[in-house]
Amino acid sequence: MSKLSLKLLGAAGVLALSGAALADYPLMNMVADKVIQKYQSASCEQLWAQRASPKSEQEQRLIGLLKSDAQLRTAFMNKVAGPIANKMFDCGMIP
């Protein structure tokens, strides 16, 4: 088997495992999709205003749950980090 075939096989295995990990948290996936949609549809001005406002009770519960479950937190952060970081960069919130 060629080196390219082995690399492709390895990459397919990693993708399959990451997909299985995300499938373990259907509720987290739904919440993460909502968070991503919120960031993608919000204007920069809205994001700056939301950054300064206090967290809702629902957001505080979610944060508490993510703090108490490391695997759930990892899966959530892996899903939302890219889209959120890109929007924050576009809005000048991170260098």
Protein backbone atom coordinates (compact mmCIF):
# COMPACT_ATOMS: atom_id res chain seq x y z
CA MET A 1 0.00 0.00 0.00
CA SER A 2 1.39 3.41 -0.91
CA LYS A 3 2.18 6.14 1.61
CA LEU A 4 -0.62 8.30 0.17
CA SER A 5 -3.15 5.49 0.67
CA LEU A 6 -2.03 5.05 4.28
CA LYS A 7 -2.33 8.79 4.92
CA LEU A 8 -5.82 8.89 3.40
CA LEU A 9 -6.87 5.86 5.41
CA GLY A 10 -5.57 7.50 8.59
CA ALA A 11 -7.34 10.77 7.83
CA ALA A 12 -10.60 8.91 7.17
CA GLY A 13 -10.24 7.16 10.53
CA VAL A 14 -9.71 10.44 12.36
CA LEU A 15 -12.74 11.98 10.66
CA ALA A 16 -14.88 8.96 11.51
CA LEU A 17 -13.85 9.14 15.16
CA SER A 18 -14.50 12.87 15.39
CA GLY A 19 -17.93 12.39 13.82
CA ALA A 20 -18.72 9.66 16.34
CA ALA A 21 -17.68 11.95 19.20
CA LEU A 22 -20.01 14.69 18.00
CA ALA A 23 -22.85 12.21 17.59
CA ASP A 24 -22.57 11.41 21.32
CA TYR A 25 -23.85 14.90 22.17
CA PRO A 26 -26.95 15.67 20.05
CA LEU A 27 -28.18 18.37 22.45
CA MET A 28 -24.73 19.97 22.55
CA ASN A 29 -24.66 19.97 18.75
CA MET A 30 -28.00 21.76 18.66
CA VAL A 31 -26.81 24.39 21.15
CA ALA A 32 -23.47 24.80 19.36
CA ASP A 33 -25.28 25.31 16.05
CA LYS A 34 -27.40 28.04 17.67
CA VAL A 35 -24.31 29.74 19.08
CA ILE A 36 -22.59 29.62 15.69
CA GLN A 37 -25.71 31.01 13.99
CA LYS A 38 -25.91 33.80 16.58
CA TYR A 39 -22.35 34.88 15.86
CA GLN A 40 -22.67 34.58 12.10
CA SER A 41 -25.91 36.58 11.91
CA ALA A 42 -24.98 39.29 14.43
CA SER A 43 -23.42 42.56 13.42
CA CYS A 44 -20.15 43.61 15.01
CA GLU A 45 -21.99 46.31 16.95
CA GLN A 46 -24.38 43.72 18.39
CA LEU A 47 -21.50 41.49 19.43
CA TRP A 48 -19.72 44.38 21.16
CA ALA A 49 -22.93 45.24 23.04
CA GLN A 50 -23.56 41.60 24.03
CA ARG A 51 -20.01 41.25 25.27
CA ALA A 52 -20.65 43.90 27.94
CA SER A 53 -24.08 42.66 29.00
CA PRO A 54 -24.60 40.13 31.83
CA LYS A 55 -25.19 36.48 30.95
CA SER A 56 -28.74 35.09 30.99
CA GLU A 57 -29.67 32.30 33.40
CA GLN A 58 -29.71 29.85 30.49
CA GLU A 59 -26.20 30.88 29.42
CA GLN A 60 -24.95 30.57 32.99
CA ARG A 61 -26.37 27.03 33.24
CA LEU A 62 -24.68 26.08 29.97
CA ILE A 63 -21.37 27.50 31.18
CA GLY A 64 -21.71 25.55 34.44
CA LEU A 65 -22.41 22.34 32.52
CA LEU A 66 -19.41 22.90 30.25
CA LYS A 67 -17.19 23.55 33.29
CA SER A 68 -18.31 20.32 34.94
CA ASP A 69 -17.90 18.00 31.91
CA ALA A 70 -14.51 18.15 30.23
CA GLN A 71 -15.47 15.90 27.30
CA LEU A 72 -18.60 17.91 26.57
CA ARG A 73 -16.61 21.15 26.82
CA THR A 74 -13.98 19.83 24.41
CA ALA A 75 -16.59 18.74 21.87
CA PHE A 76 -18.42 22.08 22.17
CA MET A 77 -15.27 24.17 21.84
CA ASN A 78 -14.03 22.13 18.88
CA LYS A 79 -17.29 22.84 17.07
CA VAL A 80 -17.74 26.56 17.82
CA ALA A 81 -14.17 27.86 18.09
CA GLY A 82 -13.47 28.39 14.39
CA PRO A 83 -16.65 30.26 13.41
CA ILE A 84 -16.62 32.40 16.57
CA ALA A 85 -12.92 33.27 16.28
CA ASN A 86 -13.35 34.25 12.62
CA LYS A 87 -16.27 36.57 13.43
CA MET A 88 -14.42 38.11 16.37
CA PHE A 89 -11.38 38.68 14.16
CA ASP A 90 -13.57 40.32 11.50
CA CYS A 91 -15.05 42.60 14.16
CA GLY A 92 -11.67 43.59 15.62
CA MET A 93 -12.33 41.82 18.93
CA ILE A 94 -9.11 39.82 18.67
CA PRO A 95 -5.88 40.83 16.91
